[in-house]
Amino acid sequence: MPRYSYYCEKCEISISLFHGINETINNCEKCKSENTMKKMLSTPIILNNKDEAKNISIGQLTKEYIKANEEILKEQKEEAKKDTYEPS
């Protein structure tokens, strides 16, 4: 089932719902108002079938992301050590 984004004009919430292509949502479940839900435009998912993407395994890609973010995590840890925290 496709995912659709809706916006309630009364309570101003945005939600994502899964439903069939022929279904529509008109009533807000949060504020119980009728005919206030408007379907929002969403970005389609584009699958890229490049040759280089086919040669990389999911595990290898995950390891690359972890390695790329290790330095950021180290910096954040050092910043957290510098700050002083008071008990709540």
Protein backbone atom coordinates (compact mmCIF):
# COMPACT_ATOMS: atom_id res chain seq x y z
CA MET A 1 0.00 0.00 0.00
CA PRO A 2 1.24 3.50 -0.76
CA ARG A 3 1.92 6.05 1.96
CA TYR A 4 0.18 9.43 1.85
CA SER A 5 0.76 12.60 3.86
CA TYR A 6 -2.20 14.60 5.15
CA TYR A 7 -2.55 17.96 6.89
CA CYS A 8 -5.44 18.97 9.15
CA GLU A 9 -6.44 22.58 8.57
CA LYS A 10 -8.08 22.84 12.00
CA CYS A 11 -5.54 21.37 14.45
CA GLU A 12 -2.58 21.85 12.06
CA ILE A 13 -1.04 18.39 12.39
CA SER A 14 0.68 16.46 9.62
CA ILE A 15 0.38 12.68 9.50
CA SER A 16 1.43 9.90 7.16
CA LEU A 17 -0.96 7.05 6.49
CA PHE A 18 -0.91 3.87 4.45
CA HIS A 19 -4.05 3.18 2.45
CA GLY A 20 -5.25 2.04 -0.94
CA ILE A 21 -4.93 4.27 -3.99
CA ASN A 22 -8.70 4.77 -4.28
CA GLU A 23 -9.21 5.69 -0.60
CA THR A 24 -9.15 9.21 0.81
CA ILE A 25 -9.07 10.56 4.35
CA ASN A 26 -11.36 13.52 5.07
CA ASN A 27 -11.84 13.50 8.86
CA CYS A 28 -9.13 14.18 11.42
CA GLU A 29 -8.80 11.45 14.06
CA LYS A 30 -7.02 13.75 16.52
CA CYS A 31 -9.43 16.71 16.70
CA LYS A 32 -12.46 14.78 15.38
CA SER A 33 -13.26 17.51 12.84
CA GLU A 34 -14.85 16.62 9.51
CA ASN A 35 -13.59 17.47 6.02
CA THR A 36 -10.43 19.22 7.26
CA MET A 37 -7.81 16.75 6.03
CA LYS A 38 -5.98 17.76 2.86
CA LYS A 39 -3.67 15.42 0.98
CA MET A 40 -0.19 16.89 0.68
CA LEU A 41 2.19 16.45 -2.21
CA SER A 42 4.96 13.99 -1.50
CA THR A 43 8.28 13.21 -3.08
CA PRO A 44 8.29 9.95 -5.02
CA ILE A 45 10.89 7.32 -4.27
CA ILE A 46 13.26 6.93 -7.20
CA LEU A 47 15.25 3.73 -7.35
CA ASN A 48 18.62 4.29 -8.94
CA ASN A 49 19.93 1.32 -10.91
CA LYS A 50 23.52 2.46 -11.39
CA ASP A 51 26.07 -0.26 -11.96
CA GLU A 52 28.24 0.88 -9.05
CA ALA A 53 25.28 0.63 -6.64
CA LYS A 54 24.77 -3.02 -7.60
CA ASN A 55 28.35 -3.95 -6.65
CA ILE A 56 28.12 -2.64 -3.06
CA SER A 57 26.57 -4.95 -0.50
CA ILE A 58 24.31 -3.66 2.25
CA GLY A 59 26.82 -4.69 4.91
CA GLN A 60 29.65 -2.88 3.14
CA LEU A 61 27.54 0.25 2.76
CA THR A 62 26.59 0.12 6.46
CA LYS A 63 30.25 -0.18 7.48
CA GLU A 64 31.11 2.84 5.33
CA TYR A 65 28.39 4.95 6.99
CA ILE A 66 29.53 3.88 10.47
CA LYS A 67 33.15 4.73 9.68
CA ALA A 68 32.14 8.11 8.23
CA ASN A 69 30.19 8.98 11.37
CA GLU A 70 32.71 7.72 13.96
CA GLU A 71 34.63 11.00 13.89
CA ILE A 72 31.44 13.02 14.40
CA LEU A 73 30.49 10.82 17.34
CA LYS A 74 33.95 11.25 18.91
CA GLU A 75 33.64 15.03 18.62
CA GLN A 76 30.20 14.98 20.21
CA LYS A 77 31.47 12.83 23.09
CA GLU A 78 34.33 15.27 23.74
CA GLU A 79 31.92 18.21 23.74
CA ALA A 80 29.63 16.37 26.17
CA LYS A 81 32.57 15.73 28.54
CA LYS A 82 33.37 19.45 28.61
CA ASP A 83 29.85 20.43 29.67
CA THR A 84 28.82 20.22 33.28
CA TYR A 85 25.45 18.81 34.15
CA GLU A 86 23.48 19.33 37.30
CA PRO A 87 21.24 16.60 38.70
CA SER A 88 17.58 17.14 38.15
